[in-house]
Amino acid sequence: MTRMSLVLSLGLTLLAGCASDGVLELTIDLPLSPGAERVFAFTQARDATNNPILDEWRDDADLDGVELGTARTEDHISLRSARDGIDVNVKVSFCSTARCSALPDANAPQLLYTLHTPIYVGQRTSYTQHIPSAPTTRDPTVTQVDKCDIAGCVGGELRSYCRADGTHFCE
């Protein structure tokens, strides 16, 4: 099952407008439901410059979470920015409600990611984060995603999207 989403203004804007923006197609490959209770994966993405990963983010622009089920689900989020060189913080919270708004969701299990330089003006890039199973605790560890793991600017799947000198193919 696949759900398509358009996101945010993390210094990023909704998908509409100028062709000189950079676009990141972010896919979260979600796990199966961990049990009989309803669980939603609530994904949020923000410009890391103004949104520390450990801060709470509340915004009406956030989209409802995806309910986990008996089959794997993907959440697709398109992020657009007119700025190069930004890092993007991503939170995936596993809650009892679609917007993590119930009292027990205040300390819901959560996975944290920082994507380093995933957006290049005038280019389309992509990244898929596979989550094998829903976490059962809130872990403050932030998974760092290197720019060389962000696909773009060359055809096909590669082990690295950087040149030998460490620059991304989109740079």
N, C-alpha and C. Protein backbone atom coordinates (compact mmCIF):
# COMPACT_ATOMS: atom_id res chain seq x y z
N MET A 1 0.84 -1.17 0.00
CA MET A 1 0.00 0.00 0.00
C MET A 1 0.88 1.23 0.00
N THR A 2 0.48 2.26 -0.71
CA THR A 2 1.26 3.49 -0.82
C THR A 2 0.37 4.68 -0.54
N ARG A 3 0.90 5.64 0.17
CA ARG A 3 0.20 6.89 0.42
C ARG A 3 1.09 8.01 -0.10
N MET A 4 0.52 8.93 -0.85
CA MET A 4 1.28 10.06 -1.39
C MET A 4 0.94 11.30 -0.58
N SER A 5 1.97 12.03 -0.20
CA SER A 5 1.79 13.25 0.58
C SER A 5 2.61 14.37 -0.04
N LEU A 6 2.15 15.57 0.15
CA LEU A 6 2.93 16.75 -0.19
C LEU A 6 3.14 17.52 1.10
N VAL A 7 4.36 18.05 1.29
CA VAL A 7 4.65 18.69 2.56
C VAL A 7 5.29 20.03 2.35
N LEU A 8 5.30 20.70 3.20
CA LEU A 8 5.50 21.55 4.33
C LEU A 8 6.11 22.86 3.93
N SER A 9 6.34 23.64 4.87
CA SER A 9 7.11 24.85 4.62
C SER A 9 8.25 24.85 5.60
N LEU A 10 9.17 23.95 5.45
CA LEU A 10 10.30 23.87 6.35
C LEU A 10 11.40 24.76 5.84
N GLY A 11 10.99 25.95 5.44
CA GLY A 11 11.90 26.73 4.64
C GLY A 11 11.71 26.15 3.26
N LEU A 12 10.90 25.12 3.23
CA LEU A 12 10.52 24.46 2.00
C LEU A 12 9.09 24.88 1.72
N THR A 13 8.64 24.68 0.51
CA THR A 13 7.28 25.06 0.16
C THR A 13 6.55 23.89 -0.45
N LEU A 14 5.23 23.99 -0.48
CA LEU A 14 4.44 22.95 -1.13
C LEU A 14 4.85 22.82 -2.58
N LEU A 15 4.63 21.64 -3.13
CA LEU A 15 5.01 21.38 -4.52
C LEU A 15 4.11 22.16 -5.47
N ALA A 16 4.54 23.30 -5.82
CA ALA A 16 3.89 24.12 -6.83
C ALA A 16 4.79 25.32 -6.97
N GLY A 17 5.06 25.71 -8.18
CA GLY A 17 5.83 26.93 -8.32
C GLY A 17 7.10 26.76 -9.11
N CYS A 18 8.09 27.48 -8.71
CA CYS A 18 9.30 27.73 -9.46
C CYS A 18 10.10 26.47 -9.78
N ALA A 19 10.50 26.36 -11.04
CA ALA A 19 11.29 25.20 -11.48
C ALA A 19 12.72 25.27 -10.98
N SER A 20 13.14 26.42 -10.43
CA SER A 20 14.50 26.52 -9.94
C SER A 20 14.65 25.98 -8.51
N ASP A 21 13.57 25.56 -7.91
CA ASP A 21 13.64 24.93 -6.59
C ASP A 21 14.25 23.54 -6.71
N GLY A 22 14.75 23.04 -5.61
CA GLY A 22 15.17 21.65 -5.53
C GLY A 22 14.07 20.84 -4.89
N VAL A 23 13.94 19.58 -5.28
CA VAL A 23 12.89 18.71 -4.74
C VAL A 23 13.53 17.43 -4.20
N LEU A 24 13.14 17.08 -2.99
CA LEU A 24 13.52 15.80 -2.39
C LEU A 24 12.27 14.95 -2.29
N GLU A 25 12.31 13.78 -2.90
CA GLU A 25 11.23 12.79 -2.77
C GLU A 25 11.64 11.85 -1.64
N LEU A 26 11.00 12.01 -0.50
CA LEU A 26 11.31 11.22 0.69
C LEU A 26 10.29 10.09 0.82
N THR A 27 10.78 8.87 0.92
CA THR A 27 9.91 7.72 1.12
C THR A 27 10.26 7.07 2.46
N ILE A 28 9.25 6.86 3.27
CA ILE A 28 9.41 6.13 4.52
C ILE A 28 8.74 4.78 4.32
N ASP A 29 9.54 3.73 4.31
CA ASP A 29 9.05 2.36 4.16
C ASP A 29 8.69 1.86 5.55
N LEU A 30 7.39 1.84 5.84
CA LEU A 30 6.89 1.59 7.19
C LEU A 30 6.72 0.11 7.49
N PRO A 31 6.85 -0.25 8.76
CA PRO A 31 6.72 -1.66 9.17
C PRO A 31 5.27 -2.09 9.29
N LEU A 32 5.11 -3.38 9.56
CA LEU A 32 3.79 -3.94 9.86
C LEU A 32 3.34 -3.42 11.23
N SER A 33 2.04 -3.47 11.45
CA SER A 33 1.50 -3.11 12.76
C SER A 33 2.07 -4.07 13.81
N PRO A 34 2.48 -3.54 14.96
CA PRO A 34 3.09 -4.41 15.97
C PRO A 34 2.11 -5.25 16.78
N GLY A 35 0.82 -5.01 16.63
CA GLY A 35 -0.14 -5.78 17.43
C GLY A 35 -1.56 -5.44 17.09
N ALA A 36 -2.46 -5.73 18.02
CA ALA A 36 -3.90 -5.55 17.79
C ALA A 36 -4.33 -4.08 17.90
N GLU A 37 -3.60 -3.27 18.67
CA GLU A 37 -3.99 -1.87 18.83
C GLU A 37 -3.61 -1.07 17.59
N ARG A 38 -4.39 -0.01 17.31
CA ARG A 38 -4.10 0.85 16.17
C ARG A 38 -2.82 1.64 16.43
N VAL A 39 -1.95 1.67 15.42
CA VAL A 39 -0.71 2.44 15.50
C VAL A 39 -0.58 3.24 14.21
N PHE A 40 -0.26 4.53 14.36
CA PHE A 40 -0.07 5.42 13.22
C PHE A 40 1.39 5.87 13.20
N ALA A 41 1.97 5.92 12.01
CA ALA A 41 3.30 6.50 11.83
C ALA A 41 3.10 7.94 11.38
N PHE A 42 3.51 8.87 12.23
CA PHE A 42 3.33 10.30 12.00
C PHE A 42 4.69 10.87 11.61
N THR A 43 4.86 11.22 10.32
CA THR A 43 6.14 11.70 9.81
C THR A 43 6.12 13.22 9.72
N GLN A 44 7.19 13.81 10.23
CA GLN A 44 7.37 15.26 10.16
C GLN A 44 8.76 15.54 9.59
N ALA A 45 8.89 16.57 8.77
CA ALA A 45 10.18 16.97 8.21
C ALA A 45 10.31 18.48 8.32
N ARG A 46 11.50 18.93 8.70
CA ARG A 46 11.74 20.36 8.90
C ARG A 46 13.18 20.70 8.49
N ASP A 47 13.36 21.97 8.12
CA ASP A 47 14.70 22.52 7.91
C ASP A 47 15.44 22.43 9.24
N ALA A 48 16.58 21.78 9.25
CA ALA A 48 17.31 21.56 10.50
C ALA A 48 17.84 22.85 11.12
N THR A 49 18.04 23.88 10.30
CA THR A 49 18.59 25.14 10.80
C THR A 49 17.73 25.74 11.89
N ASN A 50 16.42 25.73 11.71
CA ASN A 50 15.51 26.40 12.64
C ASN A 50 14.69 25.43 13.48
N ASN A 51 14.91 24.14 13.32
CA ASN A 51 14.08 23.14 13.99
C ASN A 51 14.94 22.04 14.58
N PRO A 52 15.48 22.27 15.79
CA PRO A 52 16.29 21.22 16.42
C PRO A 52 15.50 19.92 16.53
N ILE A 53 16.15 18.83 16.26
CA ILE A 53 15.49 17.52 16.17
C ILE A 53 14.84 17.11 17.48
N LEU A 54 15.38 17.51 18.62
CA LEU A 54 14.82 17.08 19.90
C LEU A 54 13.70 18.00 20.41
N ASP A 55 13.47 19.13 19.71
CA ASP A 55 12.36 20.01 20.08
C ASP A 55 11.04 19.38 19.61
N GLU A 56 9.95 19.76 20.28
CA GLU A 56 8.63 19.33 19.82
C GLU A 56 8.21 20.24 18.68
N TRP A 57 7.69 19.64 17.61
CA TRP A 57 7.22 20.42 16.47
C TRP A 57 5.70 20.24 16.39
N ARG A 58 4.99 21.33 16.38
CA ARG A 58 3.53 21.29 16.17
C ARG A 58 3.20 22.29 15.09
N ASP A 59 2.50 21.83 14.08
CA ASP A 59 2.17 22.68 12.95
C ASP A 59 0.93 22.13 12.28
N ASP A 60 -0.02 23.01 12.00
CA ASP A 60 -1.23 22.57 11.32
C ASP A 60 -0.95 22.05 9.92
N ALA A 61 0.21 22.38 9.35
CA ALA A 61 0.55 21.92 8.01
C ALA A 61 0.98 20.45 7.99
N ASP A 62 1.30 19.89 9.16
CA ASP A 62 1.67 18.47 9.20
C ASP A 62 0.51 17.62 8.72
N LEU A 63 0.84 16.58 7.99
CA LEU A 63 -0.17 15.67 7.47
C LEU A 63 -0.47 14.58 8.49
N ASP A 64 -1.66 14.03 8.42
CA ASP A 64 -2.02 12.91 9.30
C ASP A 64 -1.06 11.74 9.10
N GLY A 65 -0.88 10.99 10.16
CA GLY A 65 -0.04 9.81 10.09
C GLY A 65 -0.69 8.70 9.28
N VAL A 66 0.12 7.71 8.94
CA VAL A 66 -0.33 6.55 8.18
C VAL A 66 -0.57 5.40 9.15
N GLU A 67 -1.74 4.78 9.08
CA GLU A 67 -2.01 3.66 9.97
C GLU A 67 -1.25 2.42 9.50
N LEU A 68 -0.56 1.79 10.44
CA LEU A 68 0.15 0.55 10.13
C LEU A 68 -0.86 -0.58 10.05
N GLY A 69 -0.60 -1.55 9.19
CA GLY A 69 -1.54 -2.64 9.02
C GLY A 69 -0.83 -3.97 8.87
N THR A 70 -1.49 -4.90 8.20
CA THR A 70 -0.94 -6.25 8.02
C THR A 70 -0.03 -6.34 6.80
N ALA A 71 0.07 -5.27 6.04
CA ALA A 71 1.00 -5.20 4.91
C ALA A 71 1.87 -3.96 5.10
N ARG A 72 3.08 -3.99 4.59
CA ARG A 72 3.97 -2.83 4.67
C ARG A 72 3.33 -1.66 3.92
N THR A 73 3.62 -0.47 4.37
CA THR A 73 3.07 0.74 3.78
C THR A 73 4.21 1.72 3.53
N GLU A 74 4.09 2.51 2.48
CA GLU A 74 5.06 3.57 2.23
C GLU A 74 4.39 4.93 2.38
N ASP A 75 5.10 5.84 3.00
CA ASP A 75 4.65 7.22 3.09
C ASP A 75 5.57 8.03 2.19
N HIS A 76 5.01 8.69 1.18
CA HIS A 76 5.79 9.49 0.23
C HIS A 76 5.56 10.97 0.53
N ILE A 77 6.65 11.68 0.73
CA ILE A 77 6.57 13.10 1.04
C ILE A 77 7.51 13.83 0.09
N SER A 78 6.99 14.84 -0.59
CA SER A 78 7.80 15.65 -1.50
C SER A 78 8.12 16.97 -0.82
N LEU A 79 9.41 17.28 -0.72
CA LEU A 79 9.87 18.50 -0.08
C LEU A 79 10.54 19.38 -1.13
N ARG A 80 10.23 20.66 -1.11
CA ARG A 80 10.76 21.60 -2.10
C ARG A 80 11.42 22.76 -1.36
N SER A 81 12.57 23.19 -1.89
CA SER A 81 13.26 24.33 -1.30
C SER A 81 13.95 25.14 -2.39
N ALA A 82 14.03 26.43 -2.17
CA ALA A 82 14.76 27.32 -3.06
C ALA A 82 16.20 27.52 -2.56
N ARG A 83 16.56 26.79 -1.49
CA ARG A 83 17.90 26.93 -0.90
C ARG A 83 18.69 25.64 -1.00
N ASP A 84 19.93 25.76 -1.43
CA ASP A 84 20.89 24.65 -1.41
C ASP A 84 21.51 24.55 -0.02
N GLY A 85 22.06 23.39 0.27
CA GLY A 85 22.91 23.25 1.44
C GLY A 85 22.21 23.11 2.77
N ILE A 86 20.90 22.97 2.79
CA ILE A 86 20.23 22.80 4.08
C ILE A 86 20.21 21.32 4.47
N ASP A 87 20.20 21.07 5.74
CA ASP A 87 19.96 19.73 6.25
C ASP A 87 18.48 19.64 6.60
N VAL A 88 17.94 18.43 6.55
CA VAL A 88 16.52 18.21 6.85
C VAL A 88 16.42 17.22 8.01
N ASN A 89 15.71 17.64 9.06
CA ASN A 89 15.42 16.75 10.18
C ASN A 89 14.08 16.05 9.92
N VAL A 90 14.05 14.76 10.21
CA VAL A 90 12.84 13.95 10.01
C VAL A 90 12.56 13.18 11.29
N LYS A 91 11.28 13.24 11.71
CA LYS A 91 10.82 12.46 12.86
C LYS A 91 9.73 11.53 12.39
N VAL A 92 9.79 10.28 12.80
CA VAL A 92 8.71 9.33 12.57
C VAL A 92 8.28 8.83 13.95
N SER A 93 7.08 9.27 14.36
CA SER A 93 6.54 8.90 15.68
C SER A 93 5.47 7.83 15.50
N PHE A 94 5.40 6.90 16.43
CA PHE A 94 4.45 5.78 16.36
C PHE A 94 3.43 5.98 17.47
N CYS A 95 2.22 6.42 17.07
CA CYS A 95 1.23 6.93 18.00
C CYS A 95 -0.10 6.19 17.92
N SER A 96 -0.95 6.49 18.90
CA SER A 96 -2.29 5.88 18.92
C SER A 96 -3.29 6.69 18.11
N THR A 97 -2.91 7.91 17.69
CA THR A 97 -3.78 8.76 16.88
C THR A 97 -3.00 9.25 15.65
N ALA A 98 -3.73 9.65 14.62
CA ALA A 98 -3.11 10.03 13.34
C ALA A 98 -2.23 11.27 13.43
N ARG A 99 -2.45 12.13 14.41
CA ARG A 99 -1.64 13.34 14.56
C ARG A 99 -0.86 13.34 15.88
N CYS A 100 -0.78 12.20 16.52
CA CYS A 100 -0.07 12.07 17.80
C CYS A 100 -0.59 13.08 18.82
N SER A 101 -1.90 13.22 18.87
CA SER A 101 -2.50 14.26 19.71
C SER A 101 -3.12 13.74 21.01
N ALA A 102 -3.16 12.44 21.21
CA ALA A 102 -3.71 11.88 22.45
C ALA A 102 -2.68 12.01 23.57
N LEU A 103 -3.14 12.09 24.79
CA LEU A 103 -2.26 12.23 25.93
C LEU A 103 -1.15 11.17 25.96
N PRO A 104 -1.46 9.88 25.72
CA PRO A 104 -0.38 8.88 25.76
C PRO A 104 0.66 9.07 24.64
N ASP A 105 0.31 9.83 23.60
CA ASP A 105 1.24 10.04 22.49
C ASP A 105 2.37 11.02 22.83
N ALA A 106 2.27 11.69 23.96
CA ALA A 106 3.30 12.68 24.34
C ALA A 106 4.68 12.05 24.42
N ASN A 107 4.75 10.79 24.78
CA ASN A 107 6.04 10.08 24.86
C ASN A 107 6.05 8.87 23.94
N ALA A 108 5.41 9.01 22.79
CA ALA A 108 5.31 7.90 21.84
C ALA A 108 6.70 7.50 21.34
N PRO A 109 6.88 6.22 21.01
CA PRO A 109 8.14 5.80 20.38
C PRO A 109 8.39 6.63 19.13
N GLN A 110 9.66 6.88 18.87
CA GLN A 110 10.00 7.80 17.80
C GLN A 110 11.37 7.44 17.23
N LEU A 111 11.51 7.61 15.91
CA LEU A 111 12.80 7.47 15.24
C LEU A 111 13.17 8.83 14.67
N LEU A 112 14.46 9.19 14.78
CA LEU A 112 14.93 10.50 14.37
C LEU A 112 16.03 10.37 13.31
N TYR A 113 15.96 11.25 12.30
CA TYR A 113 16.93 11.22 11.21
C TYR A 113 17.33 12.64 10.85
N THR A 114 18.59 12.84 10.52
CA THR A 114 19.04 14.09 9.90
C THR A 114 19.62 13.74 8.54
N LEU A 115 19.02 14.29 7.49
CA LEU A 115 19.49 14.10 6.12
C LEU A 115 20.40 15.28 5.79
N HIS A 116 21.65 14.98 5.49
CA HIS A 116 22.63 16.02 5.22
C HIS A 116 22.61 16.40 3.74
N THR A 117 22.32 17.66 3.50
CA THR A 117 22.31 18.28 2.17
C THR A 117 21.53 17.44 1.15
N PRO A 118 20.25 17.17 1.39
CA PRO A 118 19.49 16.33 0.46
C PRO A 118 18.84 17.08 -0.70
N ILE A 119 18.92 18.42 -0.69
CA ILE A 119 18.21 19.21 -1.70
C ILE A 119 19.21 20.08 -2.46
N TYR A 120 19.10 20.04 -3.79
CA TYR A 120 19.95 20.82 -4.68
C TYR A 120 19.05 21.60 -5.63
N VAL A 121 19.18 22.93 -5.63
CA VAL A 121 18.32 23.78 -6.45
C VAL A 121 18.41 23.36 -7.91
N GLY A 122 17.24 23.21 -8.53
CA GLY A 122 17.16 22.82 -9.94
C GLY A 122 17.23 21.32 -10.17
N GLN A 123 17.33 20.53 -9.09
CA GLN A 123 17.47 19.08 -9.21
C GLN A 123 16.38 18.36 -8.42
N ARG A 124 16.15 17.11 -8.78
CA ARG A 124 15.24 16.24 -8.05
C ARG A 124 16.08 15.11 -7.46
N THR A 125 15.97 14.94 -6.14
CA THR A 125 16.69 13.87 -5.44
C THR A 125 15.68 12.98 -4.72
N SER A 126 16.17 11.84 -4.23
CA SER A 126 15.26 10.94 -3.51
C SER A 126 16.03 10.18 -2.44
N TYR A 127 15.27 9.80 -1.41
CA TYR A 127 15.83 8.99 -0.34
C TYR A 127 14.73 8.12 0.23
N THR A 128 15.04 6.86 0.49
CA THR A 128 14.10 5.94 1.13
C THR A 128 14.69 5.48 2.45
N GLN A 129 13.91 5.63 3.51
CA GLN A 129 14.30 5.12 4.83
C GLN A 129 13.46 3.90 5.14
N HIS A 130 14.10 2.75 5.26
CA HIS A 130 13.41 1.50 5.59
C HIS A 130 13.36 1.37 7.11
N ILE A 131 12.17 1.13 7.65
CA ILE A 131 11.99 0.90 9.08
C ILE A 131 11.53 -0.55 9.24
N PRO A 132 12.39 -1.44 9.71
CA PRO A 132 12.06 -2.87 9.76
C PRO A 132 10.93 -3.22 10.73
N SER A 133 10.87 -2.51 11.88
CA SER A 133 9.81 -2.78 12.85
C SER A 133 9.55 -1.50 13.65
N ALA A 134 8.35 -1.41 14.19
CA ALA A 134 7.98 -0.24 14.99
C ALA A 134 8.75 -0.27 16.30
N PRO A 135 9.35 0.85 16.68
CA PRO A 135 10.06 0.88 17.96
C PRO A 135 9.07 0.81 19.11
N THR A 136 9.56 0.39 20.26
CA THR A 136 8.70 0.30 21.45
C THR A 136 9.04 1.36 22.49
N THR A 137 10.15 2.07 22.28
CA THR A 137 10.56 3.13 23.21
C THR A 137 10.99 4.36 22.43
N ARG A 138 11.04 5.47 23.13
CA ARG A 138 11.53 6.73 22.54
C ARG A 138 13.04 6.76 22.73
N ASP A 139 13.76 6.80 21.63
CA ASP A 139 15.22 6.80 21.65
C ASP A 139 15.72 8.13 21.11
N PRO A 140 16.51 8.89 21.86
CA PRO A 140 16.98 10.19 21.37
C PRO A 140 18.12 10.10 20.35
N THR A 141 18.53 8.89 19.99
CA THR A 141 19.59 8.73 19.00
C THR A 141 19.11 9.23 17.64
N VAL A 142 19.93 10.04 17.00
CA VAL A 142 19.60 10.57 15.68
C VAL A 142 20.45 9.84 14.64
N THR A 143 19.78 9.20 13.69
CA THR A 143 20.48 8.54 12.60
C THR A 143 20.90 9.60 11.59
N GLN A 144 22.18 9.65 11.30
CA GLN A 144 22.72 10.62 10.35
C GLN A 144 22.74 9.99 8.95
N VAL A 145 22.13 10.67 7.99
CA VAL A 145 22.08 10.19 6.61
C VAL A 145 23.01 11.08 5.79
N ASP A 146 24.08 10.50 5.30
CA ASP A 146 25.09 11.23 4.54
C ASP A 146 24.55 11.65 3.18
N LYS A 147 25.02 12.78 2.67
CA LYS A 147 24.57 13.26 1.36
C LYS A 147 24.86 12.25 0.26
N CYS A 148 25.85 11.41 0.43
CA CYS A 148 26.19 10.41 -0.59
C CYS A 148 25.15 9.28 -0.66
N ASP A 149 24.23 9.22 0.33
CA ASP A 149 23.14 8.24 0.33
C ASP A 149 21.87 8.79 -0.31
N ILE A 150 21.90 10.06 -0.69
CA ILE A 150 20.75 10.72 -1.31
C ILE A 150 20.87 10.55 -2.82
N ALA A 151 19.92 9.83 -3.43
CA ALA A 151 19.97 9.55 -4.87
C ALA A 151 19.66 10.80 -5.66
N GLY A 152 20.32 10.93 -6.82
CA GLY A 152 19.98 12.04 -7.71
C GLY A 152 21.10 12.39 -8.66
N CYS A 153 20.69 12.95 -9.77
CA CYS A 153 21.58 13.54 -10.78
C CYS A 153 22.37 12.53 -11.60
N VAL A 154 22.16 11.27 -11.40
CA VAL A 154 22.70 10.19 -12.25
C VAL A 154 21.64 9.11 -12.34
N GLY A 155 21.65 8.35 -13.40
CA GLY A 155 20.67 7.28 -13.57
C GLY A 155 21.06 6.03 -12.81
N GLY A 156 20.05 5.25 -12.46
CA GLY A 156 20.26 3.95 -11.83
C GLY A 156 20.54 4.04 -10.34
N GLU A 157 20.59 2.86 -9.72
CA GLU A 157 20.90 2.77 -8.29
C GLU A 157 22.39 2.58 -8.12
N LEU A 158 22.97 3.37 -7.23
CA LEU A 158 24.40 3.31 -6.95
C LEU A 158 24.61 3.09 -5.46
N ARG A 159 25.79 2.62 -5.10
CA ARG A 159 26.13 2.50 -3.68
C ARG A 159 26.41 3.86 -3.07
N SER A 160 26.88 4.80 -3.90
CA SER A 160 27.15 6.16 -3.44
C SER A 160 26.80 7.13 -4.56
N TYR A 161 26.25 8.26 -4.16
CA TYR A 161 25.88 9.30 -5.13
C TYR A 161 26.86 10.47 -5.06
N CYS A 162 28.10 10.15 -4.66
CA CYS A 162 29.17 11.14 -4.60
C CYS A 162 30.34 10.70 -5.48
N ARG A 163 31.06 11.70 -5.94
CA ARG A 163 32.30 11.46 -6.70
C ARG A 163 33.40 11.04 -5.71
N ALA A 164 34.53 10.64 -6.24
CA ALA A 164 35.65 10.21 -5.41
C ALA A 164 36.13 11.33 -4.47
N ASP A 165 35.94 12.60 -4.86
CA ASP A 165 36.38 13.70 -4.00
C ASP A 165 35.37 14.06 -2.93
N GLY A 166 34.24 13.33 -2.86
CA GLY A 166 33.24 13.55 -1.81
C GLY A 166 32.13 14.51 -2.19
N THR A 167 32.18 15.10 -3.37
CA THR A 167 31.10 15.99 -3.79
C THR A 167 29.95 15.15 -4.38
N HIS A 168 28.75 15.58 -4.11
CA HIS A 168 27.55 14.89 -4.63
C HIS A 168 27.45 15.13 -6.13
N PHE A 169 26.88 14.16 -6.84
CA PHE A 169 26.71 14.32 -8.28
C PHE A 169 25.85 15.52 -8.65
N CYS A 170 25.03 16.01 -7.72
CA CYS A 170 24.20 17.19 -7.98
C CYS A 170 24.94 18.50 -7.73
N GLU A 171 26.12 18.42 -7.10
CA GLU A 171 26.88 19.66 -6.81
C GLU A 171 27.66 20.10 -8.04
